[in-house]
Amino acid sequence: MNHILFSLFTLFAICLHLPASNMKKLTDTTAFEKRLAEETEKVASIRSDFTQTKYIDIFDEKIISKGKFYYQKPGKIRMEYYSPMDYLIVINEGKLK
Protein backbone atom coordinates (compact mmCIF):
# COMPACT_ATOMS: atom_id res chain seq x y z
CA MET A 1 0.00 0.00 0.00
CA ASN A 2 2.82 2.42 0.80
CA HIS A 3 4.31 1.82 -2.65
CA ILE A 4 1.01 2.82 -4.27
CA LEU A 5 0.66 5.87 -2.02
CA PHE A 6 4.21 6.93 -2.73
CA SER A 7 3.69 6.46 -6.48
CA LEU A 8 0.63 8.70 -6.35
CA PHE A 9 2.53 11.42 -4.47
CA THR A 10 5.40 11.14 -6.96
CA LEU A 11 3.00 11.44 -9.87
CA PHE A 12 1.40 14.47 -8.23
CA ALA A 13 4.81 16.10 -7.71
CA ILE A 14 5.77 15.48 -11.34
CA CYS A 15 2.51 16.99 -12.58
CA LEU A 16 3.07 20.17 -10.53
CA HIS A 17 6.27 20.87 -12.46
CA LEU A 18 4.79 20.50 -15.93
CA PRO A 19 3.52 23.65 -17.62
CA ALA A 20 -0.08 23.34 -18.80
CA SER A 21 0.92 24.03 -22.42
CA ASN A 22 3.03 20.85 -22.52
CA MET A 23 0.19 18.58 -21.37
CA LYS A 24 -0.93 15.88 -23.76
CA LYS A 25 -3.08 12.80 -23.51
CA LEU A 26 -1.31 9.72 -22.14
CA THR A 27 -1.48 6.98 -24.75
CA ASP A 28 1.17 4.45 -23.66
CA THR A 29 0.27 3.69 -20.05
CA THR A 30 2.62 0.69 -19.84
CA ALA A 31 5.69 2.80 -20.66
CA PHE A 32 4.52 5.50 -18.24
CA GLU A 33 4.04 3.00 -15.41
CA LYS A 34 7.48 1.49 -16.08
CA ARG A 35 9.18 4.90 -16.02
CA LEU A 36 7.24 5.93 -12.91
CA ALA A 37 8.43 2.77 -11.12
CA GLU A 38 12.03 3.47 -12.20
CA GLU A 39 11.91 7.08 -11.00
CA THR A 40 10.21 6.06 -7.75
CA GLU A 41 13.11 3.71 -6.95
CA LYS A 42 15.54 6.64 -7.13
CA VAL A 43 13.73 8.74 -4.52
CA ALA A 44 14.86 8.18 -0.91
CA SER A 45 12.96 11.03 0.76
CA ILE A 46 10.59 13.93 0.10
CA ARG A 47 9.84 17.07 2.11
CA SER A 48 7.17 19.53 1.07
CA ASP A 49 4.75 22.16 2.33
CA PHE A 50 1.19 21.50 1.22
CA THR A 51 -2.23 23.11 1.04
CA GLN A 52 -5.22 20.76 1.07
CA THR A 53 -8.70 21.92 0.02
CA LYS A 54 -11.61 19.78 1.21
CA TYR A 55 -15.16 20.06 -0.06
CA ILE A 56 -17.64 18.56 2.41
CA ASP A 57 -21.37 18.51 1.66
CA ILE A 58 -22.50 19.47 5.15
CA PHE A 59 -20.45 22.70 5.13
CA ASP A 60 -21.24 25.64 2.88
CA GLU A 61 -17.62 26.57 2.38
CA LYS A 62 -14.47 24.66 1.56
CA ILE A 63 -12.01 23.76 4.30
CA ILE A 64 -8.38 24.66 3.66
CA SER A 65 -5.68 22.89 5.64
CA LYS A 66 -1.95 23.61 5.51
CA GLY A 67 1.00 21.62 6.69
CA LYS A 68 4.20 19.77 5.93
CA PHE A 69 4.59 16.40 4.21
CA TYR A 70 7.55 14.07 4.78
CA TYR A 71 8.35 10.74 3.13
CA GLN A 72 11.31 8.52 3.91
CA LYS A 73 12.06 5.22 2.27
CA PRO A 74 10.94 2.55 3.10
CA GLY A 75 7.33 3.26 3.97
CA LYS A 76 7.52 6.20 6.38
CA ILE A 77 5.06 9.07 5.85
CA ARG A 78 4.39 12.03 8.13
CA MET A 79 1.75 14.70 7.49
CA GLU A 80 2.03 17.55 9.97
CA TYR A 81 -0.96 19.92 9.88
CA TYR A 82 -0.63 23.40 11.38
CA SER A 83 -3.74 25.13 10.00
CA PRO A 84 -6.67 25.36 10.77
CA MET A 85 -5.59 23.23 13.75
CA ASP A 86 -2.52 21.26 14.76
CA TYR A 87 -2.59 17.51 14.22
CA LEU A 88 -0.32 14.79 12.98
CA ILE A 89 -0.72 11.69 10.80
CA VAL A 90 2.10 9.14 10.77
CA ILE A 91 2.31 6.00 8.64
CA ASN A 92 5.22 3.77 9.56
CA GLU A 93 5.55 0.42 7.78
CA GLY A 94 1.79 0.07 7.31
CA LYS A 95 0.77 1.28 10.79
CA LEU A 96 -1.30 4.45 11.01
CA LYS A 97 -0.97 6.69 14.07
PDB file of N, CA and C in Angstrom:
ATOM      1  N   MET A   1       0.822  -1.187   0.000  1.00  0.00           N
ATOM      2  CA  MET A   1       0.000   0.000   0.000  1.00  0.00           C
ATOM      3  C   MET A   1       0.872   1.259   0.000  1.00  0.00           C
ATOM      4  N   ASN A   2       1.944   1.246   0.765  1.00  0.00           N
ATOM      5  CA  ASN A   2       2.816   2.417   0.805  1.00  0.00           C
ATOM      6  C   ASN A   2       3.437   2.697  -0.554  1.00  0.00           C
ATOM      7  N   HIS A   3       3.741   1.635  -1.317  1.00  0.00           N
ATOM      8  CA  HIS A   3       4.312   1.823  -2.647  1.00  0.00           C
ATOM      9  C   HIS A   3       3.314   2.548  -3.557  1.00  0.00           C
ATOM     10  N   ILE A   4       2.051   2.168  -3.473  1.00  0.00           N
ATOM     11  CA  ILE A   4       1.010   2.815  -4.272  1.00  0.00           C
ATOM     12  C   ILE A   4       0.845   4.266  -3.846  1.00  0.00           C
ATOM     13  N   LEU A   5       0.802   4.507  -2.537  1.00  0.00           N
ATOM     14  CA  LEU A   5       0.655   5.867  -2.018  1.00  0.00           C
ATOM     15  C   LEU A   5       1.836   6.728  -2.447  1.00  0.00           C
ATOM     16  N   PHE A   6       3.031   6.182  -2.331  1.00  0.00           N
ATOM     17  CA  PHE A   6       4.210   6.932  -2.732  1.00  0.00           C
ATOM     18  C   PHE A   6       4.193   7.217  -4.229  1.00  0.00           C
ATOM     19  N   SER A   7       3.775   6.254  -5.032  1.00  0.00           N
ATOM     20  CA  SER A   7       3.692   6.462  -6.478  1.00  0.00           C
ATOM     21  C   SER A   7       2.720   7.579  -6.816  1.00  0.00           C
ATOM     22  N   LEU A   8       1.599   7.635  -6.118  1.00  0.00           N
ATOM     23  CA  LEU A   8       0.628   8.705  -6.355  1.00  0.00           C
ATOM     24  C   LEU A   8       1.203  10.066  -5.992  1.00  0.00           C
ATOM     25  N   PHE A   9       1.904  10.151  -4.857  1.00  0.00           N
ATOM     26  CA  PHE A   9       2.532  11.417  -4.472  1.00  0.00           C
ATOM     27  C   PHE A   9       3.605  11.818  -5.470  1.00  0.00           C
ATOM     28  N   THR A  10       4.376  10.858  -5.962  1.00  0.00           N
ATOM     29  CA  THR A  10       5.403  11.144  -6.957  1.00  0.00           C
ATOM     30  C   THR A  10       4.769  11.655  -8.240  1.00  0.00           C
ATOM     31  N   LEU A  11       3.705  11.003  -8.679  1.00  0.00           N
ATOM     32  CA  LEU A  11       2.995  11.442  -9.872  1.00  0.00           C
ATOM     33  C   LEU A  11       2.466  12.864  -9.685  1.00  0.00           C
ATOM     34  N   PHE A  12       1.906  13.139  -8.530  1.00  0.00           N
ATOM     35  CA  PHE A  12       1.396  14.475  -8.226  1.00  0.00           C
ATOM     36  C   PHE A  12       2.523  15.503  -8.280  1.00  0.00           C
ATOM     37  N   ALA A  13       3.668  15.182  -7.703  1.00  0.00           N
ATOM     38  CA  ALA A  13       4.806  16.100  -7.706  1.00  0.00           C
ATOM     39  C   ALA A  13       5.312  16.359  -9.122  1.00  0.00           C
ATOM     40  N   ILE A  14       5.345  15.328  -9.950  1.00  0.00           N
ATOM     41  CA  ILE A  14       5.773  15.477 -11.340  1.00  0.00           C
ATOM     42  C   ILE A  14       4.811  16.395 -12.084  1.00  0.00           C
ATOM     43  N   CYS A  15       3.523  16.194 -11.880  1.00  0.00           N
ATOM     44  CA  CYS A  15       2.510  16.994 -12.576  1.00  0.00           C
ATOM     45  C   CYS A  15       2.572  18.470 -12.189  1.00  0.00           C
ATOM     46  N   LEU A  16       2.976  18.774 -10.957  1.00  0.00           N
ATOM     47  CA  LEU A  16       3.075  20.166 -10.531  1.00  0.00           C
ATOM     48  C   LEU A  16       4.155  20.932 -11.289  1.00  0.00           C
ATOM     49  N   HIS A  17       5.165  20.223 -11.783  1.00  0.00           N
ATOM     50  CA  HIS A  17       6.273  20.874 -12.455  1.00  0.00           C
ATOM     51  C   HIS A  17       6.091  20.975 -13.965  1.00  0.00           C
ATOM     52  N   LEU A  18       5.030  20.440 -14.490  1.00  0.00           N
ATOM     53  CA  LEU A  18       4.793  20.499 -15.928  1.00  0.00           C
ATOM     54  C   LEU A  18       3.934  21.708 -16.274  1.00  0.00           C
ATOM     55  N   PRO A  19       4.379  22.541 -17.192  1.00  0.00           N
ATOM     56  CA  PRO A  19       3.522  23.649 -17.621  1.00  0.00           C
ATOM     57  C   PRO A  19       2.286  23.106 -18.349  1.00  0.00           C
ATOM     58  N   ALA A  20       1.179  23.796 -18.203  1.00  0.00           N
ATOM     59  CA  ALA A  20      -0.082  23.337 -18.797  1.00  0.00           C
ATOM     60  C   ALA A  20       0.011  23.234 -20.315  1.00  0.00           C
ATOM     61  N   SER A  21       0.819  24.060 -20.953  1.00  0.00           N
ATOM     62  CA  SER A  21       0.917  24.034 -22.416  1.00  0.00           C
ATOM     63  C   SER A  21       1.587  22.757 -22.928  1.00  0.00           C
ATOM     64  N   ASN A  22       2.347  22.064 -22.100  1.00  0.00           N
ATOM     65  CA  ASN A  22       3.027  20.846 -22.517  1.00  0.00           C
ATOM     66  C   ASN A  22       2.213  19.589 -22.232  1.00  0.00           C
ATOM     67  N   MET A  23       1.022  19.739 -21.709  1.00  0.00           N
ATOM     68  CA  MET A  23       0.194  18.579 -21.374  1.00  0.00           C
ATOM     69  C   MET A  23      -0.353  17.946 -22.648  1.00  0.00           C
ATOM     70  N   LYS A  24      -0.321  16.612 -22.662  1.00  0.00           N
ATOM     71  CA  LYS A  24      -0.933  15.882 -23.760  1.00  0.00           C
ATOM     72  C   LYS A  24      -1.509  14.589 -23.203  1.00  0.00           C
ATOM     73  N   LYS A  25      -2.409  14.013 -23.947  1.00  0.00           N
ATOM     74  CA  LYS A  25      -3.081  12.801 -23.506  1.00  0.00           C
ATOM     75  C   LYS A  25      -2.094  11.642 -23.435  1.00  0.00           C
ATOM     76  N   LEU A  26      -2.173  10.877 -22.347  1.00  0.00           N
ATOM     77  CA  LEU A  26      -1.313   9.721 -22.145  1.00  0.00           C
ATOM     78  C   LEU A  26      -1.848   8.560 -22.974  1.00  0.00           C
ATOM     79  N   THR A  27      -1.037   8.078 -23.890  1.00  0.00           N
ATOM     80  CA  THR A  27      -1.479   6.984 -24.752  1.00  0.00           C
ATOM     81  C   THR A  27      -0.816   5.657 -24.387  1.00  0.00           C
ATOM     82  N   ASP A  28       0.446   5.681 -23.990  1.00  0.00           N
ATOM     83  CA  ASP A  28       1.169   4.454 -23.661  1.00  0.00           C
ATOM     84  C   ASP A  28       1.297   4.334 -22.141  1.00  0.00           C
ATOM     85  N   THR A  29       0.273   3.780 -21.511  1.00  0.00           N
ATOM     86  CA  THR A  29       0.274   3.694 -20.048  1.00  0.00           C
ATOM     87  C   THR A  29       1.318   2.705 -19.530  1.00  0.00           C
ATOM     88  N   THR A  30       1.627   1.677 -20.275  1.00  0.00           N
ATOM     89  CA  THR A  30       2.620   0.694 -19.839  1.00  0.00           C
ATOM     90  C   THR A  30       4.003   1.337 -19.711  1.00  0.00           C
ATOM     91  N   ALA A  31       4.391   2.111 -20.702  1.00  0.00           N
ATOM     92  CA  ALA A  31       5.690   2.796 -20.661  1.00  0.00           C
ATOM     93  C   ALA A  31       5.715   3.812 -19.519  1.00  0.00           C
ATOM     94  N   PHE A  32       4.609   4.525 -19.328  1.00  0.00           N
ATOM     95  CA  PHE A  32       4.525   5.499 -18.239  1.00  0.00           C
ATOM     96  C   PHE A  32       4.683   4.811 -16.887  1.00  0.00           C
ATOM     97  N   GLU A  33       3.959   3.709 -16.674  1.00  0.00           N
ATOM     98  CA  GLU A  33       4.042   2.997 -15.409  1.00  0.00           C
ATOM     99  C   GLU A  33       5.452   2.459 -15.168  1.00  0.00           C
ATOM    100  N   LYS A  34       6.115   1.989 -16.222  1.00  0.00           N
ATOM    101  CA  LYS A  34       7.481   1.493 -16.083  1.00  0.00           C
ATOM    102  C   LYS A  34       8.426   2.618 -15.679  1.00  0.00           C
ATOM    103  N   ARG A  35       8.316   3.756 -16.351  1.00  0.00           N
ATOM    104  CA  ARG A  35       9.181   4.900 -16.021  1.00  0.00           C
ATOM    105  C   ARG A  35       8.884   5.427 -14.631  1.00  0.00           C
ATOM    106  N   LEU A  36       7.615   5.480 -14.253  1.00  0.00           N
ATOM    107  CA  LEU A  36       7.243   5.932 -12.914  1.00  0.00           C
ATOM    108  C   LEU A  36       7.861   5.031 -11.849  1.00  0.00           C
ATOM    109  N   ALA A  37       7.828   3.719 -12.068  1.00  0.00           N
ATOM    110  CA  ALA A  37       8.429   2.774 -11.124  1.00  0.00           C
ATOM    111  C   ALA A  37       9.940   2.984 -11.039  1.00  0.00           C
ATOM    112  N   GLU A  38      10.581   3.229 -12.184  1.00  0.00           N
ATOM    113  CA  GLU A  38      12.030   3.470 -12.201  1.00  0.00           C
ATOM    114  C   GLU A  38      12.385   4.740 -11.431  1.00  0.00           C
ATOM    115  N   GLU A  39      11.646   5.810 -11.678  1.00  0.00           N
ATOM    116  CA  GLU A  39      11.912   7.077 -11.000  1.00  0.00           C
ATOM    117  C   GLU A  39      11.611   6.979  -9.504  1.00  0.00           C
ATOM    118  N   THR A  40      10.579   6.242  -9.148  1.00  0.00           N
ATOM    119  CA  THR A  40      10.210   6.059  -7.749  1.00  0.00           C
ATOM    120  C   THR A  40      11.338   5.378  -6.979  1.00  0.00           C
ATOM    121  N   GLU A  41      12.009   4.421  -7.610  1.00  0.00           N
ATOM    122  CA  GLU A  41      13.109   3.706  -6.955  1.00  0.00           C
ATOM    123  C   GLU A  41      14.266   4.634  -6.607  1.00  0.00           C
ATOM    124  N   LYS A  42      14.433   5.711  -7.348  1.00  0.00           N
ATOM    125  CA  LYS A  42      15.543   6.640  -7.129  1.00  0.00           C
ATOM    126  C   LYS A  42      15.304   7.583  -5.945  1.00  0.00           C
ATOM    127  N   VAL A  43      14.068   7.771  -5.559  1.00  0.00           N
ATOM    128  CA  VAL A  43      13.727   8.736  -4.515  1.00  0.00           C
ATOM    129  C   VAL A  43      13.862   8.093  -3.133  1.00  0.00           C
ATOM    130  N   ALA A  44      14.677   8.700  -2.266  1.00  0.00           N
ATOM    131  CA  ALA A  44      14.864   8.183  -0.906  1.00  0.00           C
ATOM    132  C   ALA A  44      14.015   8.944   0.100  1.00  0.00           C
ATOM    133  N   SER A  45      13.771  10.242  -0.161  1.00  0.00           N
ATOM    134  CA  SER A  45      12.956  11.030   0.765  1.00  0.00           C
ATOM    135  C   SER A  45      12.367  12.243   0.045  1.00  0.00           C
ATOM    136  N   ILE A  46      11.272  12.748   0.626  1.00  0.00           N
ATOM    137  CA  ILE A  46      10.586  13.933   0.098  1.00  0.00           C
ATOM    138  C   ILE A  46      10.177  14.796   1.282  1.00  0.00           C
ATOM    139  N   ARG A  47      10.349  16.095   1.134  1.00  0.00           N
ATOM    140  CA  ARG A  47       9.842  17.074   2.106  1.00  0.00           C
ATOM    141  C   ARG A  47       9.103  18.146   1.314  1.00  0.00           C
ATOM    142  N   SER A  48       7.932  18.526   1.807  1.00  0.00           N
ATOM    143  CA  SER A  48       7.173  19.530   1.071  1.00  0.00           C
ATOM    144  C   SER A  48       6.143  20.193   1.964  1.00  0.00           C
ATOM    145  N   ASP A  49       5.900  21.487   1.737  1.00  0.00           N
ATOM    146  CA  ASP A  49       4.752  22.162   2.326  1.00  0.00           C
ATOM    147  C   ASP A  49       3.561  21.819   1.451  1.00  0.00           C
ATOM    148  N   PHE A  50       2.366  21.782   2.030  1.00  0.00           N
ATOM    149  CA  PHE A  50       1.188  21.502   1.220  1.00  0.00           C
ATOM    150  C   PHE A  50      -0.009  22.324   1.688  1.00  0.00           C
ATOM    151  N   THR A  51      -0.926  22.516   0.763  1.00  0.00           N
ATOM    152  CA  THR A  51      -2.229  23.109   1.040  1.00  0.00           C
ATOM    153  C   THR A  51      -3.269  22.120   0.532  1.00  0.00           C
ATOM    154  N   GLN A  52      -4.196  21.757   1.405  1.00  0.00           N
ATOM    155  CA  GLN A  52      -5.217  20.762   1.071  1.00  0.00           C
ATOM    156  C   GLN A  52      -6.585  21.445   1.135  1.00  0.00           C
ATOM    157  N   THR A  53      -7.356  21.348   0.057  1.00  0.00           N
ATOM    158  CA  THR A  53      -8.696  21.919   0.024  1.00  0.00           C
ATOM    159  C   THR A  53      -9.703  20.781   0.062  1.00  0.00           C
ATOM    160  N   LYS A  54     -10.604  20.831   1.052  1.00  0.00           N
ATOM    161  CA  LYS A  54     -11.613  19.778   1.209  1.00  0.00           C
ATOM    162  C   LYS A  54     -12.991  20.378   0.963  1.00  0.00           C
ATOM    163  N   TYR A  55     -13.778  19.669   0.201  1.00  0.00           N
ATOM    164  CA  TYR A  55     -15.158  20.060  -0.055  1.00  0.00           C
ATOM    165  C   TYR A  55     -16.061  19.033   0.627  1.00  0.00           C
ATOM    166  N   ILE A  56     -16.770  19.451   1.651  1.00  0.00           N
ATOM    167  CA  ILE A  56     -17.636  18.556   2.415  1.00  0.00           C
ATOM    168  C   ILE A  56     -19.074  19.048   2.285  1.00  0.00           C
ATOM    169  N   ASP A  57     -19.984  18.141   1.941  1.00  0.00           N
ATOM    170  CA  ASP A  57     -21.371  18.510   1.656  1.00  0.00           C
ATOM    171  C   ASP A  57     -22.064  19.238   2.806  1.00  0.00           C
ATOM    172  N   ILE A  58     -21.755  18.871   4.036  1.00  0.00           N
ATOM    173  CA  ILE A  58     -22.496  19.469   5.155  1.00  0.00           C
ATOM    174  C   ILE A  58     -22.059  20.898   5.474  1.00  0.00           C
ATOM    175  N   PHE A  59     -20.914  21.325   4.931  1.00  0.00           N
ATOM    176  CA  PHE A  59     -20.450  22.699   5.131  1.00  0.00           C
ATOM    177  C   PHE A  59     -20.689  23.502   3.869  1.00  0.00           C
ATOM    178  N   ASP A  60     -21.001  24.779   4.036  1.00  0.00           N
ATOM    179  CA  ASP A  60     -21.242  25.637   2.884  1.00  0.00           C
ATOM    180  C   ASP A  60     -19.954  26.099   2.212  1.00  0.00           C
ATOM    181  N   GLU A  61     -18.870  26.088   2.947  1.00  0.00           N
ATOM    182  CA  GLU A  61     -17.616  26.566   2.376  1.00  0.00           C
ATOM    183  C   GLU A  61     -16.565  25.464   2.405  1.00  0.00           C
ATOM    184  N   LYS A  62     -15.552  25.652   1.597  1.00  0.00           N
ATOM    185  CA  LYS A  62     -14.473  24.665   1.563  1.00  0.00           C
ATOM    186  C   LYS A  62     -13.572  24.834   2.787  1.00  0.00           C
ATOM    187  N   ILE A  63     -12.923  23.746   3.175  1.00  0.00           N
ATOM    188  CA  ILE A  63     -12.013  23.761   4.303  1.00  0.00           C
ATOM    189  C   ILE A  63     -10.595  23.682   3.755  1.00  0.00           C
ATOM    190  N   ILE A  64      -9.758  24.632   4.133  1.00  0.00           N
ATOM    191  CA  ILE A  64      -8.383  24.662   3.657  1.00  0.00           C
ATOM    192  C   ILE A  64      -7.451  24.343   4.819  1.00  0.00           C
ATOM    193  N   SER A  65      -6.661  23.291   4.644  1.00  0.00           N
ATOM    194  CA  SER A  65      -5.682  22.891   5.643  1.00  0.00           C
ATOM    195  C   SER A  65      -4.289  23.092   5.059  1.00  0.00           C
ATOM    196  N   LYS A  66      -3.331  23.427   5.933  1.00  0.00           N
ATOM    197  CA  LYS A  66      -1.947  23.609   5.508  1.00  0.00           C
ATOM    198  C   LYS A  66      -1.041  22.817   6.432  1.00  0.00           C
ATOM    199  N   GLY A  67       0.081  22.379   5.871  1.00  0.00           N
ATOM    200  CA  GLY A  67       1.004  21.623   6.688  1.00  0.00           C
ATOM    201  C   GLY A  67       2.270  21.250   5.941  1.00  0.00           C
ATOM    202  N   LYS A  68       2.958  20.272   6.503  1.00  0.00           N
ATOM    203  CA  LYS A  68       4.205  19.771   5.929  1.00  0.00           C
ATOM    204  C   LYS A  68       4.072  18.274   5.698  1.00  0.00           C
ATOM    205  N   PHE A  69       4.623  17.812   4.583  1.00  0.00           N
ATOM    206  CA  PHE A  69       4.595  16.400   4.210  1.00  0.00           C
ATOM    207  C   PHE A  69       6.027  15.885   4.179  1.00  0.00           C
ATOM    208  N   TYR A  70       6.232  14.714   4.777  1.00  0.00           N
ATOM    209  CA  TYR A  70       7.546  14.070   4.781  1.00  0.00           C
ATOM    210  C   TYR A  70       7.380  12.618   4.340  1.00  0.00           C
ATOM    211  N   TYR A  71       8.304  12.159   3.510  1.00  0.00           N
ATOM    212  CA  TYR A  71       8.353  10.745   3.127  1.00  0.00           C
ATOM    213  C   TYR A  71       9.793  10.293   3.258  1.00  0.00           C
ATOM    214  N   GLN A  72       9.983   9.114   3.847  1.00  0.00           N
ATOM    215  CA  GLN A  72      11.314   8.517   3.912  1.00  0.00           C
ATOM    216  C   GLN A  72      11.194   7.050   3.566  1.00  0.00           C
ATOM    217  N   LYS A  73      12.052   6.611   2.688  1.00  0.00           N
ATOM    218  CA  LYS A  73      12.058   5.224   2.270  1.00  0.00           C
ATOM    219  C   LYS A  73      12.589   4.364   3.396  1.00  0.00           C
ATOM    220  N   PRO A  74      12.089   3.227   3.684  1.00  0.00           N
ATOM    221  CA  PRO A  74      10.936   2.553   3.095  1.00  0.00           C
ATOM    222  C   PRO A  74       9.687   2.757   3.941  1.00  0.00           C
ATOM    223  N   GLY A  75       8.656   3.249   3.372  1.00  0.00           N
ATOM    224  CA  GLY A  75       7.328   3.259   3.974  1.00  0.00           C
ATOM    225  C   GLY A  75       7.078   4.153   5.168  1.00  0.00           C
ATOM    226  N   LYS A  76       7.766   5.289   5.269  1.00  0.00           N
ATOM    227  CA  LYS A  76       7.516   6.201   6.383  1.00  0.00           C
ATOM    228  C   LYS A  76       6.936   7.504   5.832  1.00  0.00           C
ATOM    229  N   ILE A  77       5.739   7.851   6.293  1.00  0.00           N
ATOM    230  CA  ILE A  77       5.063   9.068   5.849  1.00  0.00           C
ATOM    231  C   ILE A  77       4.611   9.849   7.073  1.00  0.00           C
ATOM    232  N   ARG A  78       4.811  11.153   7.039  1.00  0.00           N
ATOM    233  CA  ARG A  78       4.388  12.034   8.134  1.00  0.00           C
ATOM    234  C   ARG A  78       3.722  13.254   7.516  1.00  0.00           C
ATOM    235  N   MET A  79       2.474  13.507   7.928  1.00  0.00           N
ATOM    236  CA  MET A  79       1.754  14.704   7.494  1.00  0.00           C
ATOM    237  C   MET A  79       1.469  15.527   8.746  1.00  0.00           C
ATOM    238  N   GLU A  80       2.094  16.681   8.818  1.00  0.00           N
ATOM    239  CA  GLU A  80       2.034  17.554   9.974  1.00  0.00           C
ATOM    240  C   GLU A  80       1.153  18.758   9.613  1.00  0.00           C
ATOM    241  N   TYR A  81      -0.037  18.817  10.157  1.00  0.00           N
ATOM    242  CA  TYR A  81      -0.957  19.921   9.877  1.00  0.00           C
ATOM    243  C   TYR A  81      -0.745  21.025  10.911  1.00  0.00           C
ATOM    244  N   TYR A  82      -0.729  22.278  10.460  1.00  0.00           N
ATOM    245  CA  TYR A  82      -0.634  23.403  11.384  1.00  0.00           C
ATOM    246  C   TYR A  82      -1.744  24.431  11.194  1.00  0.00           C
ATOM    247  N   SER A  83      -2.620  24.234  10.205  1.00  0.00           N
ATOM    248  CA  SER A  83      -3.743  25.132   9.998  1.00  0.00           C
ATOM    249  C   SER A  83      -4.880  24.330   9.367  1.00  0.00           C
ATOM    250  N   PRO A  84      -6.101  24.450   9.774  1.00  0.00           N
ATOM    251  CA  PRO A  84      -6.669  25.361  10.770  1.00  0.00           C
ATOM    252  C   PRO A  84      -6.426  24.911  12.219  1.00  0.00           C
ATOM    253  N   MET A  85      -5.940  23.683  12.413  1.00  0.00           N
ATOM    254  CA  MET A  85      -5.594  23.228  13.750  1.00  0.00           C
ATOM    255  C   MET A  85      -4.395  22.295  13.645  1.00  0.00           C
ATOM    256  N   ASP A  86      -3.702  22.117  14.748  1.00  0.00           N
ATOM    257  CA  ASP A  86      -2.523  21.256  14.760  1.00  0.00           C
ATOM    258  C   ASP A  86      -2.930  19.797  14.924  1.00  0.00           C
ATOM    259  N   TYR A  87      -2.478  18.952  14.027  1.00  0.00           N
ATOM    260  CA  TYR A  87      -2.588  17.512  14.224  1.00  0.00           C
ATOM    261  C   TYR A  87      -1.591  16.796  13.326  1.00  0.00           C
ATOM    262  N   LEU A  88      -1.391  15.537  13.604  1.00  0.00           N
ATOM    263  CA  LEU A  88      -0.320  14.785  12.984  1.00  0.00           C
ATOM    264  C   LEU A  88      -0.833  13.430  12.518  1.00  0.00           C
ATOM    265  N   ILE A  89      -0.432  13.026  11.319  1.00  0.00           N
ATOM    266  CA  ILE A  89      -0.721  11.685  10.795  1.00  0.00           C
ATOM    267  C   ILE A  89       0.622  11.054  10.472  1.00  0.00           C
ATOM    268  N   VAL A  90       0.838   9.854  11.018  1.00  0.00           N
ATOM    269  CA  VAL A  90       2.099   9.141  10.772  1.00  0.00           C
ATOM    270  C   VAL A  90       1.781   7.747  10.272  1.00  0.00           C
ATOM    271  N   ILE A  91       2.402   7.355   9.170  1.00  0.00           N
ATOM    272  CA  ILE A  91       2.308   5.997   8.641  1.00  0.00           C
ATOM    273  C   ILE A  91       3.725   5.432   8.664  1.00  0.00           C
ATOM    274  N   ASN A  92       3.904   4.373   9.424  1.00  0.00           N
ATOM    275  CA  ASN A  92       5.221   3.767   9.560  1.00  0.00           C
ATOM    276  C   ASN A  92       5.082   2.264   9.307  1.00  0.00           C
ATOM    277  N   GLU A  93       5.589   1.824   8.163  1.00  0.00           N
ATOM    278  CA  GLU A  93       5.550   0.418   7.777  1.00  0.00           C
ATOM    279  C   GLU A  93       4.150  -0.176   7.892  1.00  0.00           C
ATOM    280  N   GLY A  94       3.158   0.559   7.362  1.00  0.00           N
ATOM    281  CA  GLY A  94       1.789   0.069   7.313  1.00  0.00           C
ATOM    282  C   GLY A  94       0.948   0.353   8.553  1.00  0.00           C
ATOM    283  N   LYS A  95       1.525   0.961   9.578  1.00  0.00           N
ATOM    284  CA  LYS A  95       0.775   1.276  10.794  1.00  0.00           C
ATOM    285  C   LYS A  95       0.454   2.760  10.809  1.00  0.00           C
ATOM    286  N   LEU A  96      -0.819   3.082  10.994  1.00  0.00           N
ATOM    287  CA  LEU A  96      -1.299   4.454  11.013  1.00  0.00           C
ATOM    288  C   LEU A  96      -1.441   4.932  12.445  1.00  0.00           C
ATOM    289  N   LYS A  97      -0.872   6.101  12.735  1.00  0.00           N
ATOM    290  CA  LYS A  97      -0.970   6.694  14.074  1.00  0.00           C
ATOM    291  C   LYS A  97      -1.510   8.102  13.962  1.00  0.00           C
TER     292      LYS A  97
END
